N, C-alpha and C. Protein backbone atom coordinates (compact mmCIF):
# COMPACT_ATOMS: atom_id res chain seq x y z
N MET A 1 11.72 9.72 -18.36
CA MET A 1 10.68 8.85 -18.88
C MET A 1 10.81 7.44 -18.27
N LEU A 2 12.02 6.89 -18.29
CA LEU A 2 12.23 5.55 -17.73
C LEU A 2 11.96 5.54 -16.23
N ALA A 3 12.36 6.61 -15.54
CA ALA A 3 12.11 6.68 -14.10
C ALA A 3 10.62 6.70 -13.80
N SER A 4 9.84 7.38 -14.63
CA SER A 4 8.39 7.42 -14.43
C SER A 4 7.76 6.05 -14.65
N VAL A 5 8.24 5.34 -15.66
CA VAL A 5 7.72 4.00 -15.93
C VAL A 5 8.06 3.06 -14.77
N LEU A 6 9.29 3.13 -14.28
CA LEU A 6 9.69 2.29 -13.14
C LEU A 6 8.90 2.65 -11.89
N GLU A 7 8.66 3.94 -11.71
CA GLU A 7 7.90 4.40 -10.55
C GLU A 7 6.48 3.84 -10.57
N VAL A 8 5.82 3.93 -11.71
CA VAL A 8 4.46 3.42 -11.84
C VAL A 8 4.45 1.89 -11.71
N ALA A 9 5.43 1.23 -12.30
CA ALA A 9 5.49 -0.23 -12.21
C ALA A 9 5.69 -0.68 -10.76
N ALA A 10 6.59 0.00 -10.04
CA ALA A 10 6.82 -0.36 -8.64
C ALA A 10 5.57 -0.11 -7.80
N ALA A 11 4.87 0.99 -8.07
CA ALA A 11 3.64 1.28 -7.32
C ALA A 11 2.56 0.24 -7.61
N LEU A 12 2.44 -0.18 -8.87
CA LEU A 12 1.44 -1.19 -9.21
C LEU A 12 1.77 -2.55 -8.60
N VAL A 13 3.03 -2.93 -8.65
CA VAL A 13 3.43 -4.22 -8.05
C VAL A 13 3.22 -4.18 -6.54
N GLY A 14 3.58 -3.06 -5.90
CA GLY A 14 3.36 -2.92 -4.46
C GLY A 14 1.89 -2.98 -4.09
N THR A 15 1.06 -2.32 -4.89
CA THR A 15 -0.38 -2.36 -4.66
C THR A 15 -0.93 -3.77 -4.83
N PHE A 16 -0.42 -4.49 -5.83
CA PHE A 16 -0.84 -5.87 -6.04
C PHE A 16 -0.52 -6.74 -4.83
N PHE A 17 0.70 -6.62 -4.30
CA PHE A 17 1.07 -7.42 -3.13
C PHE A 17 0.24 -7.05 -1.90
N MET A 18 -0.07 -5.77 -1.73
CA MET A 18 -0.93 -5.37 -0.63
C MET A 18 -2.33 -5.97 -0.79
N PHE A 19 -2.82 -5.99 -2.01
CA PHE A 19 -4.13 -6.58 -2.29
C PHE A 19 -4.12 -8.08 -1.99
N VAL A 20 -3.06 -8.76 -2.39
CA VAL A 20 -2.93 -10.20 -2.11
C VAL A 20 -2.88 -10.44 -0.60
N ALA A 21 -2.19 -9.58 0.12
CA ALA A 21 -2.13 -9.72 1.58
C ALA A 21 -3.50 -9.57 2.21
N SER A 22 -4.27 -8.60 1.72
CA SER A 22 -5.62 -8.42 2.29
C SER A 22 -6.53 -9.59 1.93
N LEU A 23 -6.39 -10.13 0.73
CA LEU A 23 -7.16 -11.32 0.37
C LEU A 23 -6.76 -12.51 1.24
N GLY A 24 -5.47 -12.63 1.52
CA GLY A 24 -5.01 -13.72 2.37
C GLY A 24 -5.60 -13.66 3.76
N ILE A 25 -5.73 -12.45 4.31
CA ILE A 25 -6.33 -12.31 5.63
C ILE A 25 -7.79 -12.75 5.60
N LEU A 26 -8.47 -12.43 4.53
CA LEU A 26 -9.90 -12.75 4.44
C LEU A 26 -10.17 -14.20 4.06
N ARG A 27 -9.35 -14.80 3.21
CA ARG A 27 -9.70 -16.07 2.59
C ARG A 27 -8.96 -17.29 3.14
N LEU A 28 -7.82 -17.12 3.78
CA LEU A 28 -7.07 -18.29 4.24
C LEU A 28 -7.79 -18.96 5.41
N PRO A 29 -7.59 -20.28 5.58
CA PRO A 29 -8.47 -21.05 6.46
C PRO A 29 -8.21 -20.93 7.96
N ASP A 30 -6.99 -20.74 8.40
CA ASP A 30 -6.75 -20.75 9.84
C ASP A 30 -5.88 -19.57 10.25
N PHE A 31 -5.68 -19.45 11.56
CA PHE A 31 -4.96 -18.31 12.11
C PHE A 31 -3.53 -18.23 11.60
N TYR A 32 -2.84 -19.35 11.58
CA TYR A 32 -1.43 -19.34 11.20
C TYR A 32 -1.24 -18.97 9.73
N ALA A 33 -2.11 -19.43 8.87
CA ALA A 33 -2.03 -19.04 7.46
C ALA A 33 -2.40 -17.57 7.30
N ARG A 34 -3.38 -17.11 8.07
CA ARG A 34 -3.78 -15.71 7.97
C ARG A 34 -2.71 -14.77 8.47
N ILE A 35 -1.94 -15.17 9.44
CA ILE A 35 -0.88 -14.30 9.92
C ILE A 35 0.31 -14.29 8.95
N HIS A 36 0.44 -15.36 8.19
CA HIS A 36 1.52 -15.45 7.21
C HIS A 36 1.32 -14.46 6.06
N ALA A 37 0.09 -14.28 5.64
CA ALA A 37 -0.21 -13.43 4.47
C ALA A 37 0.23 -11.98 4.66
N PRO A 38 -0.17 -11.30 5.73
CA PRO A 38 0.26 -9.90 5.82
C PRO A 38 1.74 -9.75 6.15
N THR A 39 2.32 -10.74 6.78
CA THR A 39 3.74 -10.62 7.10
C THR A 39 4.58 -10.67 5.84
N LYS A 40 4.31 -11.61 4.97
CA LYS A 40 5.12 -11.75 3.75
C LYS A 40 4.70 -10.77 2.67
N ALA A 41 3.44 -10.83 2.27
CA ALA A 41 2.99 -10.06 1.11
C ALA A 41 2.96 -8.56 1.38
N ALA A 42 2.52 -8.17 2.56
CA ALA A 42 2.46 -6.74 2.84
C ALA A 42 3.85 -6.13 2.98
N THR A 43 4.79 -6.88 3.54
CA THR A 43 6.15 -6.37 3.64
C THR A 43 6.77 -6.21 2.25
N LEU A 44 6.55 -7.17 1.38
CA LEU A 44 7.06 -7.06 0.01
C LEU A 44 6.34 -5.94 -0.73
N GLY A 45 5.04 -5.81 -0.53
CA GLY A 45 4.29 -4.72 -1.16
C GLY A 45 4.77 -3.37 -0.70
N LEU A 46 5.05 -3.24 0.60
CA LEU A 46 5.56 -1.98 1.11
C LEU A 46 6.93 -1.67 0.53
N ALA A 47 7.75 -2.69 0.32
CA ALA A 47 9.06 -2.46 -0.29
C ALA A 47 8.93 -1.86 -1.68
N PHE A 48 8.01 -2.39 -2.47
CA PHE A 48 7.80 -1.84 -3.81
C PHE A 48 7.20 -0.44 -3.75
N LEU A 49 6.26 -0.20 -2.85
CA LEU A 49 5.67 1.13 -2.73
C LEU A 49 6.70 2.16 -2.27
N LEU A 50 7.55 1.79 -1.35
CA LEU A 50 8.60 2.71 -0.91
C LEU A 50 9.65 2.92 -1.99
N ALA A 51 9.87 1.92 -2.82
CA ALA A 51 10.76 2.12 -3.98
C ALA A 51 10.15 3.12 -4.94
N ALA A 52 8.84 3.06 -5.12
CA ALA A 52 8.16 4.05 -5.97
C ALA A 52 8.27 5.44 -5.38
N VAL A 53 8.16 5.55 -4.07
CA VAL A 53 8.32 6.85 -3.40
C VAL A 53 9.73 7.37 -3.60
N ALA A 54 10.72 6.50 -3.44
CA ALA A 54 12.11 6.92 -3.61
C ALA A 54 12.39 7.34 -5.05
N LEU A 55 11.76 6.68 -6.02
CA LEU A 55 11.95 7.07 -7.42
C LEU A 55 11.23 8.38 -7.73
N HIS A 56 10.11 8.62 -7.09
CA HIS A 56 9.36 9.85 -7.35
C HIS A 56 10.04 11.07 -6.73
N PHE A 57 10.34 10.97 -5.44
CA PHE A 57 11.04 12.06 -4.76
C PHE A 57 12.52 11.70 -4.75
N LYS A 58 13.27 12.30 -5.57
CA LYS A 58 14.66 11.88 -5.76
C LYS A 58 15.64 12.50 -4.77
N ASP A 59 15.14 13.30 -3.81
CA ASP A 59 16.07 13.92 -2.87
C ASP A 59 16.50 12.93 -1.80
N LEU A 60 17.62 13.20 -1.19
CA LEU A 60 18.23 12.28 -0.23
C LEU A 60 17.35 12.07 1.00
N THR A 61 16.67 13.11 1.44
CA THR A 61 15.83 12.99 2.64
C THR A 61 14.70 11.99 2.43
N SER A 62 14.02 12.07 1.31
CA SER A 62 12.91 11.16 1.04
C SER A 62 13.38 9.72 0.87
N VAL A 63 14.49 9.54 0.19
CA VAL A 63 15.04 8.20 -0.01
C VAL A 63 15.47 7.60 1.33
N THR A 64 16.08 8.43 2.18
CA THR A 64 16.50 7.96 3.50
C THR A 64 15.30 7.57 4.36
N LYS A 65 14.25 8.40 4.32
CA LYS A 65 13.04 8.08 5.09
C LYS A 65 12.40 6.78 4.59
N ALA A 66 12.36 6.60 3.29
CA ALA A 66 11.79 5.37 2.73
C ALA A 66 12.62 4.16 3.15
N ALA A 67 13.94 4.30 3.11
CA ALA A 67 14.82 3.19 3.51
C ALA A 67 14.66 2.86 4.99
N LEU A 68 14.56 3.89 5.82
CA LEU A 68 14.37 3.65 7.26
C LEU A 68 13.01 3.01 7.55
N ALA A 69 11.98 3.45 6.85
CA ALA A 69 10.66 2.84 7.03
C ALA A 69 10.68 1.37 6.62
N LEU A 70 11.34 1.08 5.51
CA LEU A 70 11.44 -0.31 5.06
C LEU A 70 12.24 -1.15 6.05
N PHE A 71 13.31 -0.61 6.58
CA PHE A 71 14.10 -1.33 7.58
C PHE A 71 13.26 -1.61 8.82
N PHE A 72 12.53 -0.60 9.29
CA PHE A 72 11.71 -0.76 10.49
C PHE A 72 10.65 -1.84 10.30
N VAL A 73 9.95 -1.79 9.18
CA VAL A 73 8.91 -2.79 8.92
C VAL A 73 9.54 -4.16 8.69
N GLY A 74 10.68 -4.20 8.02
CA GLY A 74 11.35 -5.47 7.77
C GLY A 74 11.83 -6.15 9.04
N VAL A 75 12.13 -5.37 10.06
CA VAL A 75 12.56 -5.94 11.33
C VAL A 75 11.36 -6.28 12.22
N THR A 76 10.38 -5.40 12.27
CA THR A 76 9.28 -5.59 13.23
C THR A 76 8.18 -6.53 12.75
N ALA A 77 7.93 -6.63 11.46
CA ALA A 77 6.84 -7.49 10.98
C ALA A 77 7.09 -8.97 11.29
N PRO A 78 8.26 -9.53 11.00
CA PRO A 78 8.47 -10.94 11.35
C PRO A 78 8.46 -11.20 12.86
N VAL A 79 9.00 -10.25 13.63
CA VAL A 79 9.00 -10.42 15.08
C VAL A 79 7.57 -10.38 15.62
N GLY A 80 6.78 -9.44 15.13
CA GLY A 80 5.38 -9.36 15.56
C GLY A 80 4.59 -10.59 15.19
N ALA A 81 4.81 -11.10 13.98
CA ALA A 81 4.11 -12.32 13.56
C ALA A 81 4.52 -13.51 14.41
N HIS A 82 5.80 -13.60 14.75
CA HIS A 82 6.28 -14.69 15.59
C HIS A 82 5.65 -14.62 16.98
N ILE A 83 5.58 -13.42 17.53
CA ILE A 83 5.00 -13.26 18.86
C ILE A 83 3.52 -13.64 18.85
N LEU A 84 2.79 -13.20 17.83
CA LEU A 84 1.37 -13.55 17.73
C LEU A 84 1.17 -15.05 17.55
N ALA A 85 2.00 -15.67 16.71
CA ALA A 85 1.87 -17.12 16.49
C ALA A 85 2.22 -17.90 17.76
N ARG A 86 3.23 -17.45 18.47
CA ARG A 86 3.60 -18.14 19.70
C ARG A 86 2.52 -18.00 20.77
N ALA A 87 1.94 -16.80 20.87
CA ALA A 87 0.85 -16.60 21.83
C ALA A 87 -0.36 -17.45 21.46
N ALA A 88 -0.65 -17.56 20.17
CA ALA A 88 -1.77 -18.40 19.75
C ALA A 88 -1.50 -19.86 20.07
N TYR A 89 -0.28 -20.31 19.82
CA TYR A 89 0.07 -21.70 20.12
C TYR A 89 -0.06 -21.98 21.62
N ARG A 90 0.46 -21.07 22.42
CA ARG A 90 0.41 -21.27 23.87
C ARG A 90 -1.01 -21.20 24.42
N SER A 91 -1.89 -20.49 23.73
CA SER A 91 -3.28 -20.42 24.21
C SER A 91 -4.13 -21.55 23.66
N GLY A 92 -3.54 -22.44 22.88
CA GLY A 92 -4.24 -23.64 22.45
C GLY A 92 -4.79 -23.62 21.04
N VAL A 93 -4.46 -22.64 20.24
CA VAL A 93 -4.91 -22.61 18.84
C VAL A 93 -4.07 -23.60 18.05
N ARG A 94 -4.70 -24.60 17.48
CA ARG A 94 -3.98 -25.64 16.73
C ARG A 94 -4.17 -25.44 15.24
N ALA A 95 -3.16 -25.79 14.50
CA ALA A 95 -3.25 -25.74 13.04
C ALA A 95 -3.97 -26.99 12.54
N PRO A 96 -4.99 -26.82 11.70
CA PRO A 96 -5.70 -28.01 11.20
C PRO A 96 -4.79 -28.84 10.30
N GLY A 97 -4.94 -30.14 10.40
CA GLY A 97 -4.14 -31.03 9.56
C GLY A 97 -2.78 -31.36 10.13
N THR A 98 -2.46 -30.86 11.31
CA THR A 98 -1.18 -31.14 11.93
C THR A 98 -1.27 -32.46 12.69
N LEU A 99 -0.35 -33.37 12.42
CA LEU A 99 -0.38 -34.68 13.07
C LEU A 99 0.56 -34.76 14.26
N ILE A 100 1.70 -34.10 14.18
CA ILE A 100 2.71 -34.19 15.23
C ILE A 100 2.96 -32.80 15.80
N ASP A 101 2.96 -32.71 17.12
CA ASP A 101 3.29 -31.46 17.80
C ASP A 101 4.71 -31.59 18.32
N GLU A 102 5.67 -31.03 17.60
CA GLU A 102 7.07 -31.20 17.98
C GLU A 102 7.46 -30.35 19.19
N TYR A 103 6.69 -29.32 19.47
CA TYR A 103 6.99 -28.51 20.65
C TYR A 103 6.53 -29.21 21.91
N GLY A 104 5.35 -29.78 21.85
CA GLY A 104 4.81 -30.54 22.97
C GLY A 104 4.70 -29.72 24.24
N PRO A 105 4.80 -30.39 25.37
CA PRO A 105 4.63 -29.70 26.65
C PRO A 105 5.73 -28.69 26.94
N SER A 106 6.89 -28.80 26.29
CA SER A 106 7.97 -27.86 26.59
C SER A 106 7.60 -26.44 26.20
N ALA A 107 6.78 -26.25 25.19
CA ALA A 107 6.37 -24.91 24.79
C ALA A 107 5.28 -24.36 25.69
N GLN A 108 4.56 -25.22 26.38
CA GLN A 108 3.48 -24.77 27.24
C GLN A 108 3.98 -24.38 28.64
N ARG A 109 5.19 -24.82 28.98
CA ARG A 109 5.71 -24.56 30.32
C ARG A 109 6.02 -23.07 30.48
N PRO A 110 5.47 -22.41 31.50
CA PRO A 110 5.81 -21.00 31.72
C PRO A 110 7.25 -20.87 32.17
N ARG A 111 7.92 -19.89 31.63
CA ARG A 111 9.32 -19.65 31.98
C ARG A 111 9.39 -18.93 33.31
N GLY A 112 10.44 -19.20 34.05
CA GLY A 112 10.64 -18.53 35.33
C GLY A 112 11.24 -17.15 35.13
N GLY A 113 11.39 -16.44 36.21
CA GLY A 113 11.97 -15.10 36.15
C GLY A 113 13.46 -15.17 35.90
N PRO A 114 14.09 -14.03 35.75
CA PRO A 114 15.52 -14.00 35.49
C PRO A 114 16.32 -14.61 36.65
N GLY A 115 17.31 -15.38 36.31
CA GLY A 115 18.20 -15.93 37.31
C GLY A 115 17.73 -17.22 37.95
N ARG A 116 16.64 -17.81 37.48
CA ARG A 116 16.18 -19.07 38.05
C ARG A 116 17.04 -20.20 37.53
N ALA A 117 17.39 -21.11 38.40
CA ALA A 117 18.33 -22.18 38.06
C ALA A 117 17.76 -23.13 37.01
N GLU A 118 16.47 -23.39 37.02
CA GLU A 118 15.89 -24.37 36.09
C GLU A 118 15.84 -23.86 34.66
N ASP A 119 15.96 -22.55 34.45
CA ASP A 119 15.89 -21.99 33.10
C ASP A 119 17.25 -21.87 32.45
N GLN A 120 18.32 -22.25 33.13
CA GLN A 120 19.65 -22.06 32.56
C GLN A 120 20.26 -23.33 32.08
């Protein structure tokens, strides 16, 4: 009985975070805020949904698959968001309300190939 209640609660909380992530994509004002929403909220929502899956299917295989899926998303989502944000910055997308650009021209400079003396 308690496991069923926890399972439903985890599924509802996960669904709520997924819903918040989708609202963030639609309603937030700029690119950087929009990329923040699915990275944080969807990853947390997936963690709760996979916890519900692990509680529902109590065998070791299902729990291991859920843990591996969570690990994969937990590693790749922040890296993907960072790559997208960096590409947007380098292509000239500016955050509104920003007064100081601390990266400046150093972030715009293309990096050389491996082994170039100026990059070391």
